[in-house]
Amino acid sequence: MKVLLLKDPKEDDCGQDPYVRELGLYGLEATLIPVLSFEFLSLPSLSEKLSHPEGYGGLIFTSPRAVEAVERCLQKDTKAEVWKKSLKEKWNAKSVYVVGNATASLVNRIGLHTEGETCGNAEKLAEYICSSALYLLPSVLV
């Protein structure tokens, strides 16, 4: 029997889409058809912001695509060298939050240390960030 999968193909460790592989184990022939397209629209703006970590309190990566956008910015011009020499450490001095383990491993690959990966979803990550931020606020004496 043939099965039509409406999704982008993703390769696992075996070099095959896990859905295609799993369905094949049950004698099903899967065909993948991508139904969505994606385009990065703001890479120049992102690249500029990545060059000025002093203007930000940290980074929040909400998906593997967000990491891909940063990777693309780092591949342009001399950005990769500047990243290795100074920018990476400046960003590592700040909080770098991620929403899950998959995103965390990608962020770690570009040299950033992460926190929040065990939260698993945006709501829990937001709670985690807010509770962490409370410790960062200066004490106010009344």
Protein backbone atom coordinates (compact mmCIF):
# COMPACT_ATOMS: atom_id res chain seq x y z
CA MET A 1 0.00 0.00 0.00
CA LYS A 2 1.17 3.51 -0.76
CA VAL A 3 1.11 6.33 1.77
CA LEU A 4 1.34 10.04 1.02
CA LEU A 5 3.19 12.07 3.68
CA LEU A 6 2.65 15.81 3.55
CA LYS A 7 5.87 16.99 5.18
CA ASP A 8 9.44 17.93 4.44
CA PRO A 9 11.85 15.01 4.36
CA LYS A 10 14.19 14.85 7.35
CA GLU A 11 17.17 12.53 7.52
CA ASP A 12 17.92 10.63 10.71
CA ASP A 13 21.20 8.96 11.71
CA CYS A 14 20.59 6.27 9.07
CA GLY A 15 20.23 8.88 6.31
CA GLN A 16 16.52 8.24 5.85
CA ASP A 17 13.34 10.00 6.91
CA PRO A 18 12.14 8.26 10.10
CA TYR A 19 8.52 8.16 8.89
CA VAL A 20 9.51 6.53 5.59
CA ARG A 21 11.71 4.02 7.42
CA GLU A 22 9.08 3.14 10.02
CA LEU A 23 6.27 2.81 7.49
CA GLY A 24 8.56 0.66 5.32
CA LEU A 25 8.96 -1.77 8.20
CA TYR A 26 5.22 -2.42 7.92
CA GLY A 27 5.33 -2.90 4.16
CA LEU A 28 4.06 0.56 3.29
CA GLU A 29 5.60 2.67 0.53
CA ALA A 30 5.74 6.31 1.60
CA THR A 31 6.05 9.30 -0.70
CA LEU A 32 6.97 12.67 0.79
CA ILE A 33 5.55 15.90 -0.59
CA PRO A 34 6.65 19.17 1.03
CA VAL A 35 3.61 21.39 1.57
CA LEU A 36 5.31 24.40 3.11
CA SER A 37 8.12 26.58 1.91
CA PHE A 38 10.35 28.72 4.03
CA GLU A 39 12.59 31.69 3.37
CA PHE A 40 14.80 33.68 5.75
CA LEU A 41 13.82 37.33 5.35
CA SER A 42 15.85 39.24 7.93
CA LEU A 43 19.36 37.78 7.81
CA PRO A 44 21.12 41.16 7.31
CA SER A 45 19.31 42.59 10.34
CA LEU A 46 20.06 39.49 12.42
CA SER A 47 23.70 39.58 11.40
CA GLU A 48 23.98 43.20 12.50
CA LYS A 49 22.40 42.42 15.86
CA LEU A 50 24.69 39.42 16.42
CA SER A 51 27.64 41.80 15.94
CA HIS A 52 26.55 43.89 18.95
CA PRO A 53 25.95 41.61 21.95
CA GLU A 54 26.44 44.57 24.29
CA GLY A 55 22.99 45.81 23.27
CA TYR A 56 21.19 42.65 24.43
CA GLY A 57 20.65 40.68 27.60
CA GLY A 58 20.86 37.31 25.90
CA LEU A 59 19.49 35.06 23.20
CA ILE A 60 16.42 32.84 23.01
CA PHE A 61 16.40 30.09 20.38
CA THR A 62 12.89 28.76 19.86
CA SER A 63 13.60 26.29 17.06
CA PRO A 64 16.30 24.62 14.98
CA ARG A 65 15.46 27.13 12.22
CA ALA A 66 16.51 29.99 14.47
CA VAL A 67 19.89 28.30 14.88
CA GLU A 68 20.10 27.82 11.12
CA ALA A 69 19.53 31.55 10.64
CA VAL A 70 22.43 32.36 12.98
CA GLU A 71 24.63 29.80 11.21
CA ARG A 72 23.87 31.44 7.87
CA CYS A 73 24.80 34.84 9.28
CA LEU A 74 28.10 33.45 10.56
CA GLN A 75 29.00 32.07 7.14
CA LYS A 76 28.96 35.48 5.50
CA ASP A 77 32.09 37.56 4.92
CA THR A 78 34.53 37.51 7.83
CA LYS A 79 31.80 36.94 10.42
CA ALA A 80 32.95 33.37 11.23
CA GLU A 81 36.40 34.58 12.23
CA VAL A 82 35.05 37.43 14.35
CA TRP A 83 32.59 34.98 15.94
CA LYS A 84 35.41 32.64 16.96
CA LYS A 85 37.72 35.41 18.18
CA SER A 86 35.34 37.49 20.28
CA LEU A 87 31.60 37.46 19.61
CA LYS A 88 30.99 33.89 20.77
CA GLU A 89 32.51 34.60 24.19
CA LYS A 90 30.58 37.85 24.53
CA TRP A 91 27.33 36.00 23.84
CA ASN A 92 28.36 33.19 26.21
CA ALA A 93 28.70 35.78 28.98
CA LYS A 94 24.94 36.27 28.63
CA SER A 95 22.03 33.87 29.01
CA VAL A 96 21.32 31.70 25.99
CA TYR A 97 17.96 29.97 26.32
CA VAL A 98 16.60 27.15 24.18
CA VAL A 99 13.21 25.49 24.10
CA GLY A 100 14.32 21.85 23.76
CA ASN A 101 17.17 19.36 23.58
CA ALA A 102 17.32 19.24 19.77
CA THR A 103 17.70 23.01 19.57
CA ALA A 104 20.21 22.95 22.44
CA SER A 105 22.50 20.52 20.61
CA LEU A 106 22.49 22.75 17.52
CA VAL A 107 23.23 25.85 19.58
CA ASN A 108 26.06 24.02 21.35
CA ARG A 109 27.49 23.17 17.93
CA ILE A 110 28.01 26.88 17.20
CA GLY A 111 29.81 27.22 20.53
CA LEU A 112 27.16 28.66 22.81
CA HIS A 113 26.26 27.33 26.25
CA THR A 114 22.53 26.89 26.78
CA GLU A 115 19.99 26.69 29.53
CA GLY A 116 16.30 25.83 29.64
CA GLU A 117 16.51 22.87 27.25
CA THR A 118 14.55 20.61 29.60
CA CYS A 119 11.55 22.95 29.58
CA GLY A 120 10.22 21.36 26.39
CA ASN A 121 7.76 24.08 25.34
CA ALA A 122 7.48 27.84 25.07
CA GLU A 123 5.24 28.33 28.10
CA LYS A 124 7.57 26.46 30.45
CA LEU A 125 10.61 28.18 28.96
CA ALA A 126 9.01 31.59 29.54
CA GLU A 127 8.36 30.66 33.18
CA TYR A 128 11.96 29.48 33.51
CA ILE A 129 13.33 32.70 32.00
CA CYS A 130 11.15 34.85 34.25
CA SER A 131 12.15 32.94 37.38
CA SER A 132 15.83 33.17 36.37
CA ALA A 133 15.49 36.89 35.69
CA LEU A 134 14.22 37.51 39.22
CA TYR A 135 17.63 36.51 40.55
CA LEU A 136 19.31 38.95 38.18
CA LEU A 137 17.37 41.99 39.33
CA PRO A 138 19.24 44.28 41.71
CA SER A 139 18.01 44.26 45.28
CA VAL A 140 15.92 47.24 46.28
CA LEU A 141 16.03 48.44 49.85
CA VAL A 142 12.85 50.04 51.18
